[in-house]
């Protein structure tokens, strides 16, 4: 910090506020912001993407350590999403079969 004058520090902070961090992580943050912009139109109404969801973490030390219960909740959430997708597919199959039976009946009657 002794190498920088007060004026230089002000310029660096202003630059960082406008264009992002002045660190090796700069490209990672830029790509994470790009990822947020790509994903945003495809998210459910009212939801917004989070920067941390798109930011790559390169070292294990930088990641927060999760407990066993937290990991179990993550797995349960993933499984619930799969279960919902399966239920949707089964209901769509049932609806298609019902419509096919109805069409077959109308052909026989007509």
N, C-alpha and C. Protein backbone atom coordinates (compact mmCIF):
# COMPACT_ATOMS: atom_id res chain seq x y z
N UNK A 1 0.82 -1.20 0.00
CA UNK A 1 0.00 0.00 0.00
C UNK A 1 0.87 1.26 0.00
N UNK A 2 2.09 1.14 0.47
CA UNK A 2 2.97 2.31 0.51
C UNK A 2 3.36 2.76 -0.89
N UNK A 3 3.27 1.85 -1.87
CA UNK A 3 3.67 2.19 -3.23
C UNK A 3 2.66 3.08 -3.93
N UNK A 4 1.43 3.10 -3.46
CA UNK A 4 0.37 3.86 -4.12
C UNK A 4 0.08 5.15 -3.37
N UNK A 5 -0.11 6.19 -4.13
CA UNK A 5 -0.53 7.45 -3.52
C UNK A 5 -2.04 7.38 -3.29
N UNK A 6 -2.54 8.32 -2.54
CA UNK A 6 -3.99 8.36 -2.27
C UNK A 6 -4.77 8.54 -3.57
N UNK A 7 -4.25 9.37 -4.45
CA UNK A 7 -4.91 9.61 -5.74
C UNK A 7 -4.94 8.33 -6.59
N UNK A 8 -3.84 7.58 -6.58
CA UNK A 8 -3.79 6.32 -7.33
C UNK A 8 -4.81 5.33 -6.79
N UNK A 9 -4.92 5.25 -5.47
CA UNK A 9 -5.88 4.34 -4.85
C UNK A 9 -7.31 4.71 -5.24
N UNK A 10 -7.61 5.98 -5.28
CA UNK A 10 -8.95 6.44 -5.67
C UNK A 10 -9.24 6.03 -7.11
N UNK A 11 -8.24 6.21 -7.99
CA UNK A 11 -8.41 5.80 -9.39
C UNK A 11 -8.61 4.29 -9.51
N UNK A 12 -7.85 3.51 -8.75
CA UNK A 12 -7.98 2.05 -8.80
C UNK A 12 -9.36 1.59 -8.30
N UNK A 13 -9.83 2.20 -7.23
CA UNK A 13 -11.15 1.85 -6.70
C UNK A 13 -12.24 2.24 -7.69
N UNK A 14 -12.10 3.40 -8.31
CA UNK A 14 -13.09 3.83 -9.31
C UNK A 14 -13.09 2.88 -10.50
N UNK A 15 -11.89 2.48 -10.95
CA UNK A 15 -11.80 1.53 -12.06
C UNK A 15 -12.45 0.20 -11.69
N UNK A 16 -12.18 -0.27 -10.49
CA UNK A 16 -12.73 -1.54 -10.03
C UNK A 16 -14.25 -1.45 -9.91
N UNK A 17 -14.77 -0.33 -9.47
CA UNK A 17 -16.23 -0.17 -9.38
C UNK A 17 -16.89 -0.18 -10.75
N UNK A 18 -16.19 0.35 -11.75
CA UNK A 18 -16.76 0.39 -13.10
C UNK A 18 -16.60 -0.93 -13.85
N UNK A 19 -15.41 -1.53 -13.77
CA UNK A 19 -15.08 -2.65 -14.65
C UNK A 19 -14.85 -3.98 -13.95
N UNK A 20 -14.98 -4.03 -12.65
CA UNK A 20 -14.78 -5.28 -11.94
C UNK A 20 -13.43 -5.33 -11.25
N UNK A 21 -13.18 -6.41 -10.55
CA UNK A 21 -11.96 -6.50 -9.73
C UNK A 21 -10.68 -6.51 -10.55
N UNK A 22 -9.63 -5.98 -9.95
CA UNK A 22 -8.32 -5.95 -10.60
C UNK A 22 -7.50 -7.07 -9.97
N UNK A 23 -7.88 -8.28 -10.28
CA UNK A 23 -7.20 -9.46 -9.73
C UNK A 23 -7.18 -10.53 -10.80
N UNK A 24 -6.48 -11.63 -10.56
CA UNK A 24 -6.54 -12.75 -11.51
C UNK A 24 -7.95 -13.32 -11.64
N UNK A 25 -8.81 -13.08 -10.66
CA UNK A 25 -10.19 -13.57 -10.71
C UNK A 25 -11.06 -12.75 -11.66
N UNK A 26 -10.51 -11.70 -12.24
CA UNK A 26 -11.31 -10.80 -13.08
C UNK A 26 -12.00 -11.55 -14.23
N UNK A 27 -11.29 -12.41 -14.92
CA UNK A 27 -11.87 -13.13 -16.05
C UNK A 27 -12.95 -14.10 -15.56
N UNK A 28 -12.72 -14.73 -14.42
CA UNK A 28 -13.73 -15.64 -13.87
C UNK A 28 -15.03 -14.90 -13.56
N UNK A 29 -14.91 -13.73 -12.99
CA UNK A 29 -16.10 -12.94 -12.65
C UNK A 29 -16.79 -12.45 -13.91
N UNK A 30 -16.02 -12.06 -14.90
CA UNK A 30 -16.60 -11.62 -16.17
C UNK A 30 -17.38 -12.76 -16.83
N UNK A 31 -16.82 -13.96 -16.83
CA UNK A 31 -17.51 -15.10 -17.42
C UNK A 31 -18.73 -15.50 -16.60
N UNK A 32 -18.66 -15.35 -15.29
CA UNK A 32 -19.81 -15.65 -14.44
C UNK A 32 -20.95 -14.67 -14.75
N UNK A 33 -20.61 -13.40 -14.93
CA UNK A 33 -21.65 -12.41 -15.30
C UNK A 33 -22.26 -12.76 -16.65
N UNK A 34 -21.44 -13.19 -17.59
CA UNK A 34 -21.94 -13.61 -18.89
C UNK A 34 -22.87 -14.81 -18.75
N UNK A 35 -22.48 -15.77 -17.91
CA UNK A 35 -23.33 -16.93 -17.65
C UNK A 35 -24.67 -16.52 -17.05
N UNK A 36 -24.66 -15.55 -16.17
CA UNK A 36 -25.91 -15.06 -15.58
C UNK A 36 -26.82 -14.48 -16.66
N UNK A 37 -26.23 -13.72 -17.59
CA UNK A 37 -27.02 -13.12 -18.66
C UNK A 37 -27.60 -14.17 -19.60
N UNK A 38 -26.85 -15.25 -19.81
CA UNK A 38 -27.32 -16.31 -20.69
C UNK A 38 -28.47 -17.08 -20.04
N UNK A 39 -28.36 -17.34 -18.75
CA UNK A 39 -29.34 -18.16 -18.04
C UNK A 39 -30.60 -17.38 -17.66
N UNK A 40 -30.50 -16.09 -17.44
CA UNK A 40 -31.60 -15.29 -16.91
C UNK A 40 -32.92 -15.45 -17.69
N UNK A 41 -32.92 -15.42 -19.02
CA UNK A 41 -34.21 -15.54 -19.73
C UNK A 41 -34.86 -16.92 -19.58
N UNK A 42 -34.09 -17.92 -19.17
CA UNK A 42 -34.61 -19.28 -19.09
C UNK A 42 -35.06 -19.66 -17.68
N UNK A 43 -34.95 -18.74 -16.73
CA UNK A 43 -35.33 -19.05 -15.36
C UNK A 43 -36.82 -18.79 -15.14
N UNK A 44 -37.35 -19.39 -14.08
CA UNK A 44 -38.76 -19.18 -13.76
C UNK A 44 -39.02 -17.72 -13.48
N UNK A 45 -40.24 -17.30 -13.70
CA UNK A 45 -40.64 -15.90 -13.50
C UNK A 45 -40.38 -15.48 -12.05
N UNK A 46 -39.74 -14.35 -11.87
CA UNK A 46 -39.47 -13.84 -10.54
C UNK A 46 -38.14 -14.30 -9.95
N UNK A 47 -37.48 -15.26 -10.58
CA UNK A 47 -36.19 -15.75 -10.08
C UNK A 47 -35.07 -15.04 -10.82
N UNK A 48 -33.98 -14.83 -10.13
CA UNK A 48 -32.82 -14.20 -10.74
C UNK A 48 -31.60 -15.07 -10.52
N UNK A 49 -30.71 -15.14 -11.48
CA UNK A 49 -29.50 -15.94 -11.29
C UNK A 49 -28.57 -15.27 -10.28
N UNK A 50 -27.80 -16.07 -9.58
CA UNK A 50 -26.84 -15.55 -8.60
C UNK A 50 -25.43 -15.69 -9.14
N UNK A 51 -24.61 -14.70 -8.88
CA UNK A 51 -23.23 -14.71 -9.36
C UNK A 51 -22.48 -15.92 -8.82
N UNK A 52 -22.70 -16.25 -7.56
CA UNK A 52 -21.96 -17.37 -6.95
C UNK A 52 -22.29 -18.70 -7.62
N UNK A 53 -23.47 -18.82 -8.24
CA UNK A 53 -23.82 -20.05 -8.93
C UNK A 53 -23.04 -20.23 -10.23
N UNK A 54 -22.51 -19.16 -10.78
CA UNK A 54 -21.80 -19.22 -12.05
C UNK A 54 -20.30 -19.01 -11.90
N UNK A 55 -19.87 -18.69 -10.72
CA UNK A 55 -18.45 -18.40 -10.47
C UNK A 55 -17.70 -19.70 -10.21
N UNK A 56 -16.67 -19.93 -10.98
CA UNK A 56 -15.86 -21.15 -10.81
C UNK A 56 -14.94 -20.97 -9.61
N UNK A 57 -14.86 -22.01 -8.79
CA UNK A 57 -13.98 -22.00 -7.62
C UNK A 57 -12.85 -22.99 -7.91
N UNK A 58 -11.64 -22.49 -7.90
CA UNK A 58 -10.51 -23.31 -8.33
C UNK A 58 -9.84 -24.07 -7.19
N UNK A 59 -9.92 -23.57 -5.99
CA UNK A 59 -9.23 -24.26 -4.89
C UNK A 59 -10.25 -24.75 -3.86
N UNK A 60 -9.96 -25.88 -3.24
CA UNK A 60 -10.85 -26.42 -2.23
C UNK A 60 -10.93 -25.51 -1.01
N UNK A 61 -9.86 -24.80 -0.72
CA UNK A 61 -9.85 -23.90 0.43
C UNK A 61 -10.81 -22.74 0.28
N UNK A 62 -11.12 -22.36 -0.96
CA UNK A 62 -12.02 -21.23 -1.20
C UNK A 62 -13.48 -21.63 -1.07
N UNK A 63 -13.77 -22.94 -1.12
CA UNK A 63 -15.14 -23.40 -1.02
C UNK A 63 -15.56 -23.53 0.43
N UNK A 64 -16.78 -23.15 0.74
CA UNK A 64 -17.24 -23.37 2.12
C UNK A 64 -17.44 -24.86 2.36
N UNK A 65 -17.04 -25.33 3.50
CA UNK A 65 -17.17 -26.75 3.82
C UNK A 65 -18.62 -27.05 4.18
N UNK A 66 -19.16 -28.14 3.64
CA UNK A 66 -20.55 -28.50 3.91
C UNK A 66 -20.60 -29.66 4.89
N UNK A 67 -21.64 -29.61 5.71
CA UNK A 67 -21.84 -30.71 6.66
C UNK A 67 -22.55 -31.85 5.93
N UNK A 68 -22.61 -32.98 6.59
CA UNK A 68 -23.29 -34.13 6.02
C UNK A 68 -24.76 -33.84 5.79
N UNK A 69 -25.38 -33.12 6.70
CA UNK A 69 -26.80 -32.78 6.56
C UNK A 69 -27.04 -31.87 5.34
N UNK A 70 -26.13 -30.93 5.13
CA UNK A 70 -26.27 -30.04 3.97
C UNK A 70 -26.14 -30.82 2.67
N UNK A 71 -25.18 -31.75 2.62
CA UNK A 71 -25.02 -32.58 1.43
C UNK A 71 -26.25 -33.45 1.19
N UNK A 72 -26.82 -33.99 2.28
CA UNK A 72 -28.02 -34.80 2.17
C UNK A 72 -29.18 -33.97 1.60
N UNK A 73 -29.31 -32.73 2.04
CA UNK A 73 -30.37 -31.85 1.53
C UNK A 73 -30.17 -31.58 0.04
N UNK A 74 -28.92 -31.41 -0.39
CA UNK A 74 -28.64 -31.19 -1.81
C UNK A 74 -29.09 -32.40 -2.62
N UNK A 75 -28.73 -33.59 -2.15
CA UNK A 75 -29.10 -34.81 -2.85
C UNK A 75 -30.62 -34.98 -2.87
N UNK A 76 -31.28 -34.69 -1.76
CA UNK A 76 -32.75 -34.79 -1.70
C UNK A 76 -33.39 -33.82 -2.69
N UNK A 77 -32.84 -32.62 -2.83
CA UNK A 77 -33.36 -31.65 -3.79
C UNK A 77 -33.22 -32.13 -5.22
N UNK A 78 -32.08 -32.72 -5.52
CA UNK A 78 -31.86 -33.26 -6.87
C UNK A 78 -32.84 -34.40 -7.14
N UNK A 79 -33.00 -35.29 -6.15
CA UNK A 79 -33.92 -36.41 -6.31
C UNK A 79 -35.36 -35.93 -6.48
N UNK A 80 -35.75 -34.90 -5.74
CA UNK A 80 -37.11 -34.36 -5.86
C UNK A 80 -37.35 -33.82 -7.26
N UNK A 81 -36.35 -33.18 -7.84
CA UNK A 81 -36.49 -32.66 -9.20
C UNK A 81 -36.67 -33.81 -10.19
N UNK A 82 -35.92 -34.89 -10.01
CA UNK A 82 -36.09 -36.06 -10.88
C UNK A 82 -37.48 -36.67 -10.70
N UNK A 83 -37.95 -36.75 -9.46
CA UNK A 83 -39.27 -37.32 -9.19
C UNK A 83 -40.37 -36.50 -9.86
N UNK A 84 -40.26 -35.18 -9.78
CA UNK A 84 -41.25 -34.31 -10.42
C UNK A 84 -41.25 -34.51 -11.93
N UNK A 85 -40.07 -34.63 -12.51
CA UNK A 85 -39.99 -34.83 -13.97
C UNK A 85 -40.62 -36.17 -14.34
N UNK A 86 -40.38 -37.21 -13.53
CA UNK A 86 -40.98 -38.52 -13.80
C UNK A 86 -42.50 -38.46 -13.71
N UNK A 87 -43.02 -37.77 -12.70
CA UNK A 87 -44.47 -37.64 -12.55
C UNK A 87 -45.08 -36.91 -13.74
N UNK A 88 -44.40 -35.87 -14.21
CA UNK A 88 -44.89 -35.14 -15.37
C UNK A 88 -44.94 -36.03 -16.60
N UNK A 89 -43.88 -36.81 -16.79
CA UNK A 89 -43.84 -37.71 -17.96
C UNK A 89 -44.93 -38.76 -17.87
N UNK A 90 -45.16 -39.31 -16.69
CA UNK A 90 -46.20 -40.33 -16.53
C UNK A 90 -47.59 -39.74 -16.77
N UNK A 91 -47.83 -38.53 -16.28
CA UNK A 91 -49.15 -37.92 -16.51
C UNK A 91 -49.35 -37.60 -17.99
N UNK A 92 -48.27 -37.19 -18.67
CA UNK A 92 -48.38 -36.92 -20.11
C UNK A 92 -48.64 -38.20 -20.88
N UNK A 93 -47.99 -39.28 -20.48
CA UNK A 93 -48.22 -40.58 -21.14
C UNK A 93 -49.66 -41.02 -20.92
N UNK A 94 -50.16 -40.86 -19.69
CA UNK A 94 -51.54 -41.24 -19.39
C UNK A 94 -52.53 -40.43 -20.19
N UNK A 95 -52.25 -39.14 -20.33
CA UNK A 95 -53.14 -38.26 -21.11
C UNK A 95 -53.13 -38.67 -22.58
N UNK A 96 -51.95 -38.97 -23.12
CA UNK A 96 -51.87 -39.40 -24.51
C UNK A 96 -52.60 -40.73 -24.73
N UNK A 97 -52.47 -41.66 -23.78
CA UNK A 97 -53.16 -42.95 -23.91
C UNK A 97 -54.67 -42.75 -23.85
N UNK A 98 -55.14 -41.87 -22.97
CA UNK A 98 -56.58 -41.59 -22.85
C UNK A 98 -57.12 -40.99 -24.15
N UNK A 99 -56.37 -40.07 -24.74
CA UNK A 99 -56.79 -39.45 -26.00
C UNK A 99 -56.79 -40.47 -27.14
N UNK A 100 -55.81 -41.37 -27.13
CA UNK A 100 -55.75 -42.40 -28.18
C UNK A 100 -56.94 -43.34 -28.05
N UNK A 101 -57.29 -43.73 -26.81
CA UNK A 101 -58.46 -44.60 -26.62
C UNK A 101 -59.74 -43.91 -27.07
N UNK A 102 -59.87 -42.63 -26.76
CA UNK A 102 -61.05 -41.87 -27.16
C UNK A 102 -61.14 -41.81 -28.69
N UNK A 103 -60.02 -41.56 -29.36
CA UNK A 103 -60.01 -41.48 -30.82
C UNK A 103 -60.37 -42.83 -31.43
N UNK A 104 -59.90 -43.92 -30.83
CA UNK A 104 -60.20 -45.26 -31.32
C UNK A 104 -61.70 -45.55 -31.16
N UNK A 105 -62.28 -45.15 -30.03
CA UNK A 105 -63.69 -45.34 -29.80
C UNK A 105 -64.54 -44.57 -30.81
N UNK A 106 -64.16 -43.34 -31.09
CA UNK A 106 -64.94 -42.53 -32.03
C UNK A 106 -64.85 -43.10 -33.45
N UNK A 107 -63.71 -43.70 -33.79
CA UNK A 107 -63.59 -44.33 -35.11
C UNK A 107 -64.49 -45.55 -35.22
N UNK A 108 -64.55 -46.33 -34.15
CA UNK A 108 -65.39 -47.52 -34.15
C UNK A 108 -66.87 -47.17 -34.23
N UNK A 109 -67.25 -46.09 -33.53
CA UNK A 109 -68.65 -45.67 -33.52
C UNK A 109 -69.04 -45.01 -34.82
N UNK A 110 -68.11 -44.34 -35.42
CA UNK A 110 -68.42 -43.53 -36.59
C UNK A 110 -68.28 -44.22 -37.88
